[in-house]
């Protein structure tokens, strides 16, 4: 058996319609975020996350296209004071009846662990490795194109994990919430869904994803519609990114604030 391969589908890049918005300076952007919170247009979690993103992040080019660079906010380090409230808000969207929270190695599992701590739910890791280093049965893995590195990764689960769930599987589903840092095209979320389905069939365990949650969502790629169509799942996100660009410097347009926001030029 070969592992399913999820090629990252083509998605339109940012519209780059800066002319539609009034581009704010960095200082004006911070004020706009504060006013949006005061007026009830954005949540506390979104407010804190965007302040941190504008201060520490940027817009950059990746192998899969133009995207948000938040290396020092989430990837290499976790700025817990900035991210905490947004993760608590995501955690509040997880049904009480959910059994497990899954996150992908490395940044995804860090976020899942914070949510798991606040919701008091067990957290498990979806491992990420190369095809050469993958050692388990192909049924426990899927191949997917990397967004940031331009290579093929294997997302997998340790088969030993599910041994403890077999006795309960005849009575009800094992309910799973999945957490990731960003939803770009929806390809990764579709891959995770098929991974769970393949394992369910192979081990005769009813694994059911009940929530998919992410900090950032690109709305211009129509990933939300794809997820609804292909796996019947609604997406829960904190920041909905409508547009972005690098000219005249890094900027971003998000839902809830009418004007384009500038990143600090570090």
C-alpha atoms as a PDB file:
ATOM      1  CA  UNK A   1       0.000   0.000   0.000  1.00  0.00           C
ATOM      2  CA  UNK A   2       1.233   3.456  -0.884  1.00  0.00           C
ATOM      3  CA  UNK A   3       0.673   6.434   1.350  1.00  0.00           C
ATOM      4  CA  UNK A   4      -1.815   8.953  -0.062  1.00  0.00           C
ATOM      5  CA  UNK A   5      -0.101  11.995  -1.559  1.00  0.00           C
ATOM      6  CA  UNK A   6      -1.642  15.421  -1.057  1.00  0.00           C
ATOM      7  CA  UNK A   7      -0.150  17.802  -3.566  1.00  0.00           C
ATOM      8  CA  UNK A   8      -0.598  21.369  -2.486  1.00  0.00           C
ATOM      9  CA  UNK A   9      -3.294  22.659  -4.793  1.00  0.00           C
ATOM     10  CA  UNK A  10      -2.849  25.876  -6.661  1.00  0.00           C
ATOM     11  CA  UNK A  11      -4.481  28.763  -4.888  1.00  0.00           C
ATOM     12  CA  UNK A  12      -4.631  32.381  -5.972  1.00  0.00           C
ATOM     13  CA  UNK A  13      -2.126  34.616  -4.251  1.00  0.00           C
ATOM     14  CA  UNK A  14      -3.124  37.699  -2.289  1.00  0.00           C
ATOM     15  CA  UNK A  15      -5.227  40.111  -4.378  1.00  0.00           C
ATOM     16  CA  UNK A  16      -2.741  42.956  -3.687  1.00  0.00           C
ATOM     17  CA  UNK A  17      -5.592  45.465  -3.722  1.00  0.00           C
ATOM     18  CA  UNK A  18      -3.904  47.988  -1.475  1.00  0.00           C
ATOM     19  CA  UNK A  19      -5.603  50.778  -3.417  1.00  0.00           C
ATOM     20  CA  UNK A  20      -8.926  49.752  -1.842  1.00  0.00           C
ATOM     21  CA  UNK A  21      -7.615  50.399   1.676  1.00  0.00           C
ATOM     22  CA  UNK A  22      -6.028  53.286   3.459  1.00  0.00           C
ATOM     23  CA  UNK A  23      -2.599  51.962   4.458  1.00  0.00           C
ATOM     24  CA  UNK A  24      -1.899  52.878   8.053  1.00  0.00           C
ATOM     25  CA  UNK A  25       1.516  53.421   9.545  1.00  0.00           C
ATOM     26  CA  UNK A  26       2.718  50.961  12.158  1.00  0.00           C
ATOM     27  CA  UNK A  27       1.740  53.273  15.032  1.00  0.00           C
ATOM     28  CA  UNK A  28      -1.635  53.984  13.422  1.00  0.00           C
ATOM     29  CA  UNK A  29      -2.139  50.239  12.985  1.00  0.00           C
ATOM     30  CA  UNK A  30      -1.678  49.612  16.700  1.00  0.00           C
ATOM     31  CA  UNK A  31      -4.259  52.304  17.429  1.00  0.00           C
ATOM     32  CA  UNK A  32      -6.683  50.814  14.885  1.00  0.00           C
ATOM     33  CA  UNK A  33      -6.398  47.423  16.568  1.00  0.00           C
ATOM     34  CA  UNK A  34      -7.051  49.007  19.957  1.00  0.00           C
ATOM     35  CA  UNK A  35     -10.114  50.866  18.647  1.00  0.00           C
ATOM     36  CA  UNK A  36     -11.485  47.722  17.003  1.00  0.00           C
ATOM     37  CA  UNK A  37     -11.255  45.942  20.354  1.00  0.00           C
ATOM     38  CA  UNK A  38     -12.954  48.858  22.117  1.00  0.00           C
ATOM     39  CA  UNK A  39     -15.802  48.856  19.560  1.00  0.00           C
ATOM     40  CA  UNK A  40     -16.304  45.087  19.864  1.00  0.00           C
ATOM     41  CA  UNK A  41     -15.267  44.349  16.274  1.00  0.00           C
ATOM     42  CA  UNK A  42     -12.441  42.017  17.303  1.00  0.00           C
ATOM     43  CA  UNK A  43     -11.788  39.788  20.316  1.00  0.00           C
ATOM     44  CA  UNK A  44      -9.113  40.160  22.993  1.00  0.00           C
ATOM     45  CA  UNK A  45      -7.293  37.172  21.547  1.00  0.00           C
ATOM     46  CA  UNK A  46      -7.230  38.638  18.048  1.00  0.00           C
ATOM     47  CA  UNK A  47      -6.112  42.008  19.464  1.00  0.00           C
ATOM     48  CA  UNK A  48      -3.144  40.501  21.316  1.00  0.00           C
ATOM     49  CA  UNK A  49      -2.192  38.214  18.441  1.00  0.00           C
ATOM     50  CA  UNK A  50      -2.211  41.009  15.852  1.00  0.00           C
ATOM     51  CA  UNK A  51      -0.176  43.382  18.023  1.00  0.00           C
ATOM     52  CA  UNK A  52       2.443  40.686  18.408  1.00  0.00           C
ATOM     53  CA  UNK A  53       2.346  39.754  14.725  1.00  0.00           C
ATOM     54  CA  UNK A  54       2.806  43.334  13.537  1.00  0.00           C
ATOM     55  CA  UNK A  55       5.693  43.861  15.959  1.00  0.00           C
ATOM     56  CA  UNK A  56       7.550  40.601  15.257  1.00  0.00           C
ATOM     57  CA  UNK A  57       6.377  39.356  11.865  1.00  0.00           C
ATOM     58  CA  UNK A  58       6.291  40.312   8.209  1.00  0.00           C
ATOM     59  CA  UNK A  59       5.074  39.220   4.782  1.00  0.00           C
ATOM     60  CA  UNK A  60       7.543  36.948   2.987  1.00  0.00           C
ATOM     61  CA  UNK A  61       7.889  34.679  -0.046  1.00  0.00           C
ATOM     62  CA  UNK A  62       7.695  30.910   0.521  1.00  0.00           C
ATOM     63  CA  UNK A  63       7.900  27.980  -1.931  1.00  0.00           C
ATOM     64  CA  UNK A  64       4.082  27.819  -1.919  1.00  0.00           C
ATOM     65  CA  UNK A  65       3.667  31.572  -2.415  1.00  0.00           C
ATOM     66  CA  UNK A  66       3.471  34.788  -0.473  1.00  0.00           C
ATOM     67  CA  UNK A  67       2.525  34.392   3.158  1.00  0.00           C
ATOM     68  CA  UNK A  68       2.868  35.528   6.744  1.00  0.00           C
ATOM     69  CA  UNK A  69       6.218  35.091   8.457  1.00  0.00           C
ATOM     70  CA  UNK A  70       5.703  34.580  12.204  1.00  0.00           C
ATOM     71  CA  UNK A  71       8.931  32.730  12.991  1.00  0.00           C
ATOM     72  CA  UNK A  72       9.585  34.508  16.279  1.00  0.00           C
ATOM     73  CA  UNK A  73       5.958  34.548  17.365  1.00  0.00           C
ATOM     74  CA  UNK A  74       5.156  30.845  17.000  1.00  0.00           C
ATOM     75  CA  UNK A  75       7.651  28.862  14.904  1.00  0.00           C
ATOM     76  CA  UNK A  76      11.099  29.059  16.524  1.00  0.00           C
ATOM     77  CA  UNK A  77       9.797  30.402  19.807  1.00  0.00           C
ATOM     78  CA  UNK A  78       6.338  30.783  21.326  1.00  0.00           C
ATOM     79  CA  UNK A  79       5.515  34.260  22.579  1.00  0.00           C
ATOM     80  CA  UNK A  80       3.075  32.891  25.153  1.00  0.00           C
ATOM     81  CA  UNK A  81       1.899  36.260  26.477  1.00  0.00           C
ATOM     82  CA  UNK A  82       0.894  37.316  22.963  1.00  0.00           C
ATOM     83  CA  UNK A  83      -0.675  34.048  21.824  1.00  0.00           C
ATOM     84  CA  UNK A  84      -2.307  32.848  25.063  1.00  0.00           C
ATOM     85  CA  UNK A  85      -5.681  34.615  24.833  1.00  0.00           C
ATOM     86  CA  UNK A  86      -6.233  33.596  21.207  1.00  0.00           C
ATOM     87  CA  UNK A  87      -5.536  29.956  22.107  1.00  0.00           C
ATOM     88  CA  UNK A  88      -7.928  30.119  25.044  1.00  0.00           C
ATOM     89  CA  UNK A  89     -10.594  31.454  22.676  1.00  0.00           C
ATOM     90  CA  UNK A  90      -9.949  28.551  20.304  1.00  0.00           C
ATOM     91  CA  UNK A  91     -10.087  26.119  23.198  1.00  0.00           C
ATOM     92  CA  UNK A  92     -13.491  27.464  24.173  1.00  0.00           C
ATOM     93  CA  UNK A  93     -14.762  26.291  20.766  1.00  0.00           C
ATOM     94  CA  UNK A  94     -13.838  22.657  21.433  1.00  0.00           C
ATOM     95  CA  UNK A  95     -16.852  20.576  22.500  1.00  0.00           C
ATOM     96  CA  UNK A  96     -16.694  19.320  26.067  1.00  0.00           C
ATOM     97  CA  UNK A  97     -17.251  15.785  24.756  1.00  0.00           C
ATOM     98  CA  UNK A  98     -14.008  15.839  22.706  1.00  0.00           C
ATOM     99  CA  UNK A  99     -11.554  13.157  23.856  1.00  0.00           C
ATOM    100  CA  UNK A 100      -8.267  14.266  22.299  1.00  0.00           C
ATOM    101  CA  UNK A 101      -6.533  17.310  20.841  1.00  0.00           C
ATOM    102  CA  UNK A 102      -4.055  16.703  18.006  1.00  0.00           C
ATOM    103  CA  UNK A 103      -1.356  19.057  16.776  1.00  0.00           C
ATOM    104  CA  UNK A 104       1.364  18.651  14.156  1.00  0.00           C
ATOM    105  CA  UNK A 105       5.023  18.621  15.099  1.00  0.00           C
ATOM    106  CA  UNK A 106       6.500  21.232  15.786  1.00  0.00           C
ATOM    107  CA  UNK A 107       4.577  24.518  16.056  1.00  0.00           C
ATOM    108  CA  UNK A 108       1.145  22.878  15.874  1.00  0.00           C
ATOM    109  CA  UNK A 109       1.761  20.639  18.868  1.00  0.00           C
ATOM    110  CA  UNK A 110       3.008  23.597  20.919  1.00  0.00           C
ATOM    111  CA  UNK A 111      -0.293  25.383  20.304  1.00  0.00           C
ATOM    112  CA  UNK A 112      -2.264  22.203  21.018  1.00  0.00           C
ATOM    113  CA  UNK A 113      -0.447  21.762  24.328  1.00  0.00           C
ATOM    114  CA  UNK A 114      -1.421  25.242  25.489  1.00  0.00           C
ATOM    115  CA  UNK A 115      -5.051  24.606  24.553  1.00  0.00           C
ATOM    116  CA  UNK A 116      -4.927  21.176  26.185  1.00  0.00           C
ATOM    117  CA  UNK A 117      -3.660  22.706  29.420  1.00  0.00           C
ATOM    118  CA  UNK A 118      -6.538  25.181  29.561  1.00  0.00           C
ATOM    119  CA  UNK A 119      -9.213  22.673  28.509  1.00  0.00           C
ATOM    120  CA  UNK A 120      -7.739  19.797  30.562  1.00  0.00           C
ATOM    121  CA  UNK A 121      -7.790  17.478  27.576  1.00  0.00           C
ATOM    122  CA  UNK A 122      -5.208  14.952  26.458  1.00  0.00           C
ATOM    123  CA  UNK A 123      -2.921  16.122  23.637  1.00  0.00           C
ATOM    124  CA  UNK A 124      -1.273  13.864  21.046  1.00  0.00           C
ATOM    125  CA  UNK A 125       1.257  14.545  18.287  1.00  0.00           C
ATOM    126  CA  UNK A 126       0.954  14.090  14.545  1.00  0.00           C
ATOM    127  CA  UNK A 127       4.592  13.521  13.626  1.00  0.00           C
ATOM    128  CA  UNK A 128       6.260  15.153  10.635  1.00  0.00           C
ATOM    129  CA  UNK A 129       9.226  13.488   8.960  1.00  0.00           C
ATOM    130  CA  UNK A 130      10.676  12.655   5.550  1.00  0.00           C
ATOM    131  CA  UNK A 131       9.726   9.599   3.489  1.00  0.00           C
ATOM    132  CA  UNK A 132      13.230   8.189   3.973  1.00  0.00           C
ATOM    133  CA  UNK A 133      12.914   8.316   7.758  1.00  0.00           C
ATOM    134  CA  UNK A 134       9.361   6.953   7.973  1.00  0.00           C
ATOM    135  CA  UNK A 135       9.341   3.422   9.441  1.00  0.00           C
ATOM    136  CA  UNK A 136       5.696   2.493  10.164  1.00  0.00           C
ATOM    137  CA  UNK A 137       3.011   0.826   8.057  1.00  0.00           C
ATOM    138  CA  UNK A 138       1.939   3.174   5.197  1.00  0.00           C
ATOM    139  CA  UNK A 139      -1.629   3.199   6.545  1.00  0.00           C
ATOM    140  CA  UNK A 140      -0.441   5.382   9.436  1.00  0.00           C
ATOM    141  CA  UNK A 141       0.929   8.154   7.213  1.00  0.00           C
ATOM    142  CA  UNK A 142       0.137  10.599   4.424  1.00  0.00           C
ATOM    143  CA  UNK A 143       2.526  12.530   2.161  1.00  0.00           C
ATOM    144  CA  UNK A 144       2.081  16.270   1.781  1.00  0.00           C
ATOM    145  CA  UNK A 145       4.007  19.130   0.184  1.00  0.00           C
ATOM    146  CA  UNK A 146       5.674  21.435   2.709  1.00  0.00           C
ATOM    147  CA  UNK A 147       4.501  25.039   2.590  1.00  0.00           C
ATOM    148  CA  UNK A 148       7.693  26.663   3.851  1.00  0.00           C
ATOM    149  CA  UNK A 149      10.458  24.304   2.671  1.00  0.00           C
ATOM    150  CA  UNK A 150       9.341  23.091  -0.762  1.00  0.00           C
ATOM    151  CA  UNK A 151       9.804  19.377   0.067  1.00  0.00           C
ATOM    152  CA  UNK A 152       7.534  16.385   0.680  1.00  0.00           C
ATOM    153  CA  UNK A 153       6.767  15.540   4.308  1.00  0.00           C
ATOM    154  CA  UNK A 154       5.093  12.529   5.878  1.00  0.00           C
ATOM    155  CA  UNK A 155       2.435  13.226   8.507  1.00  0.00           C
ATOM    156  CA  UNK A 156       1.941  10.165  10.677  1.00  0.00           C
ATOM    157  CA  UNK A 157       0.574   8.766  13.917  1.00  0.00           C
ATOM    158  CA  UNK A 158       2.179   6.139  16.121  1.00  0.00           C
ATOM    159  CA  UNK A 159       0.001   3.003  15.853  1.00  0.00           C
ATOM    160  CA  UNK A 160       0.633   2.219  19.553  1.00  0.00           C
ATOM    161  CA  UNK A 161      -1.386   5.320  20.421  1.00  0.00           C
ATOM    162  CA  UNK A 162      -4.661   3.683  19.416  1.00  0.00           C
ATOM    163  CA  UNK A 163      -4.302   0.466  21.366  1.00  0.00           C
ATOM    164  CA  UNK A 164      -5.854   2.072  24.450  1.00  0.00           C
ATOM    165  CA  UNK A 165      -8.892   3.189  22.436  1.00  0.00           C
ATOM    166  CA  UNK A 166      -9.846  -0.182  20.959  1.00  0.00           C
ATOM    167  CA  UNK A 167     -12.110  -1.331  23.825  1.00  0.00           C
ATOM    168  CA  UNK A 168     -14.069   1.923  23.679  1.00  0.00           C
ATOM    169  CA  UNK A 169     -14.379   1.965  19.900  1.00  0.00           C
ATOM    170  CA  UNK A 170     -17.270  -0.475  19.857  1.00  0.00           C
ATOM    171  CA  UNK A 171     -19.314   1.834  22.058  1.00  0.00           C
ATOM    172  CA  UNK A 172     -18.689   5.270  20.556  1.00  0.00           C
ATOM    173  CA  UNK A 173     -16.379   7.365  18.410  1.00  0.00           C
ATOM    174  CA  UNK A 174     -13.063   8.725  19.629  1.00  0.00           C
ATOM    175  CA  UNK A 175     -13.680  12.456  19.188  1.00  0.00           C
ATOM    176  CA  UNK A 176     -10.752  14.582  18.058  1.00  0.00           C
ATOM    177  CA  UNK A 177     -10.082  18.316  17.846  1.00  0.00           C
ATOM    178  CA  UNK A 178      -7.247  19.310  15.504  1.00  0.00           C
ATOM    179  CA  UNK A 179      -5.163  22.474  15.973  1.00  0.00           C
ATOM    180  CA  UNK A 180      -2.722  24.116  13.543  1.00  0.00           C
ATOM    181  CA  UNK A 181      -1.077  27.494  13.153  1.00  0.00           C
ATOM    182  CA  UNK A 182      -2.449  28.480   9.713  1.00  0.00           C
ATOM    183  CA  UNK A 183      -4.914  27.301   7.086  1.00  0.00           C
ATOM    184  CA  UNK A 184      -3.550  28.253   3.672  1.00  0.00           C
ATOM    185  CA  UNK A 185      -5.302  26.160   1.001  1.00  0.00           C
ATOM    186  CA  UNK A 186      -6.897  23.530   3.253  1.00  0.00           C
ATOM    187  CA  UNK A 187      -4.677  20.767   1.803  1.00  0.00           C
ATOM    188  CA  UNK A 188      -3.116  19.870   5.148  1.00  0.00           C
ATOM    189  CA  UNK A 189      -6.471  19.661   6.903  1.00  0.00           C
ATOM    190  CA  UNK A 190      -7.811  17.390   4.166  1.00  0.00           C
ATOM    191  CA  UNK A 191      -4.706  15.215   4.549  1.00  0.00           C
ATOM    192  CA  UNK A 192      -5.228  14.911   8.299  1.00  0.00           C
ATOM    193  CA  UNK A 193      -8.862  13.971   7.739  1.00  0.00           C
ATOM    194  CA  UNK A 194      -7.904  11.155   5.339  1.00  0.00           C
ATOM    195  CA  UNK A 195      -5.185   9.972   7.720  1.00  0.00           C
ATOM    196  CA  UNK A 196      -7.810   9.538  10.449  1.00  0.00           C
ATOM    197  CA  UNK A 197     -10.184   7.760   8.064  1.00  0.00           C
ATOM    198  CA  UNK A 198      -7.491   5.317   6.903  1.00  0.00           C
ATOM    199  CA  UNK A 199      -6.519   4.456  10.467  1.00  0.00           C
ATOM    200  CA  UNK A 200     -10.185   4.042  11.407  1.00  0.00           C
ATOM    201  CA  UNK A 201     -10.701   1.486   8.654  1.00  0.00           C
ATOM    202  CA  UNK A 202      -7.461  -0.344   9.350  1.00  0.00           C
ATOM    203  CA  UNK A 203      -7.838  -0.634  13.137  1.00  0.00           C
ATOM    204  CA  UNK A 204     -11.657  -0.748  13.221  1.00  0.00           C
ATOM    205  CA  UNK A 205     -11.720   2.300  15.488  1.00  0.00           C
ATOM    206  CA  UNK A 206     -14.183   5.111  14.895  1.00  0.00           C
ATOM    207  CA  UNK A 207     -12.021   8.246  14.877  1.00  0.00           C
ATOM    208  CA  UNK A 208     -14.076  11.391  14.367  1.00  0.00           C
ATOM    209  CA  UNK A 209     -12.746  14.924  13.947  1.00  0.00           C
ATOM    210  CA  UNK A 210     -15.230  17.216  15.691  1.00  0.00           C
ATOM    211  CA  UNK A 211     -13.365  20.550  15.357  1.00  0.00           C
ATOM    212  CA  UNK A 212     -10.627  22.027  13.198  1.00  0.00           C
ATOM    213  CA  UNK A 213      -9.030  25.129  14.673  1.00  0.00           C
ATOM    214  CA  UNK A 214      -6.321  27.491  13.483  1.00  0.00           C
ATOM    215  CA  UNK A 215      -4.838  30.831  14.473  1.00  0.00           C
ATOM    216  CA  UNK A 216      -4.616  32.243  10.939  1.00  0.00           C
ATOM    217  CA  UNK A 217      -6.878  31.643   7.959  1.00  0.00           C
ATOM    218  CA  UNK A 218      -6.349  32.952   4.432  1.00  0.00           C
ATOM    219  CA  UNK A 219      -9.814  33.796   3.143  1.00  0.00           C
ATOM    220  CA  UNK A 220      -8.713  34.699  -0.402  1.00  0.00           C
ATOM    221  CA  UNK A 221      -7.792  31.043  -1.116  1.00  0.00           C
ATOM    222  CA  UNK A 222     -11.359  29.840  -0.393  1.00  0.00           C
ATOM    223  CA  UNK A 223      -9.962  27.126   1.884  1.00  0.00           C
ATOM    224  CA  UNK A 224     -13.037  27.273   4.115  1.00  0.00           C
ATOM    225  CA  UNK A 225     -15.314  26.375   1.194  1.00  0.00           C
ATOM    226  CA  UNK A 226     -12.992  23.543   0.181  1.00  0.00           C
ATOM    227  CA  UNK A 227     -13.056  22.018   3.666  1.00  0.00           C
ATOM    228  CA  UNK A 228     -16.828  22.228   3.807  1.00  0.00           C
ATOM    229  CA  UNK A 229     -17.140  20.580   0.389  1.00  0.00           C
ATOM    230  CA  UNK A 230     -14.492  17.857   0.699  1.00  0.00           C
ATOM    231  CA  UNK A 231     -14.693  16.822   4.357  1.00  0.00           C
ATOM    232  CA  UNK A 232     -17.873  18.502   5.585  1.00  0.00           C
ATOM    233  CA  UNK A 233     -16.051  20.435   8.290  1.00  0.00           C
ATOM    234  CA  UNK A 234     -16.344  24.058   9.363  1.00  0.00           C
ATOM    235  CA  UNK A 235     -13.129  25.866  10.275  1.00  0.00           C
ATOM    236  CA  UNK A 236     -12.653  27.926  13.437  1.00  0.00           C
ATOM    237  CA  UNK A 237      -9.986  30.647  13.140  1.00  0.00           C
ATOM    238  CA  UNK A 238      -8.847  33.729  15.044  1.00  0.00           C
ATOM    239  CA  UNK A 239      -7.403  35.968  12.302  1.00  0.00           C
ATOM    240  CA  UNK A 240      -9.049  35.957   8.872  1.00  0.00           C
ATOM    241  CA  UNK A 241      -6.514  37.300   6.370  1.00  0.00           C
ATOM    242  CA  UNK A 242      -8.160  38.962   3.366  1.00  0.00           C
ATOM    243  CA  UNK A 243      -5.087  40.461   1.677  1.00  0.00           C
ATOM    244  CA  UNK A 244      -1.391  41.153   2.184  1.00  0.00           C
ATOM    245  CA  UNK A 245       1.635  42.517   0.382  1.00  0.00           C
ATOM    246  CA  UNK A 246       5.262  43.702   0.564  1.00  0.00           C
ATOM    247  CA  UNK A 247       5.034  47.022  -1.268  1.00  0.00           C
ATOM    248  CA  UNK A 248       5.794  49.702  -0.105  1.00  0.00           C
ATOM    249  CA  UNK A 249       6.543  47.522   2.945  1.00  0.00           C
ATOM    250  CA  UNK A 250       4.917  44.523   4.618  1.00  0.00           C
ATOM    251  CA  UNK A 251       1.196  45.044   5.218  1.00  0.00           C
ATOM    252  CA  UNK A 252      -1.887  42.954   5.944  1.00  0.00           C
ATOM    253  CA  UNK A 253      -5.664  43.362   5.685  1.00  0.00           C
ATOM    254  CA  UNK A 254      -7.776  41.353   8.132  1.00  0.00           C
ATOM    255  CA  UNK A 255     -11.497  40.939   8.680  1.00  0.00           C
ATOM    256  CA  UNK A 256     -12.819  43.286  11.345  1.00  0.00           C
ATOM    257  CA  UNK A 257     -10.578  46.249  10.461  1.00  0.00           C
ATOM    258  CA  UNK A 258     -11.317  48.243   7.313  1.00  0.00           C
ATOM    259  CA  UNK A 259      -7.818  49.558   6.703  1.00  0.00           C
ATOM    260  CA  UNK A 260      -4.547  47.835   5.844  1.00  0.00           C
ATOM    261  CA  UNK A 261      -2.145  47.434   8.755  1.00  0.00           C
ATOM    262  CA  UNK A 262       1.613  47.923   8.550  1.00  0.00           C
ATOM    263  CA  UNK A 263       4.204  45.650  10.118  1.00  0.00           C
ATOM    264  CA  UNK A 264       7.036  47.226  12.081  1.00  0.00           C
ATOM    265  CA  UNK A 265      10.050  47.514   9.791  1.00  0.00           C
ATOM    266  CA  UNK A 266      12.569  45.629  11.931  1.00  0.00           C
END
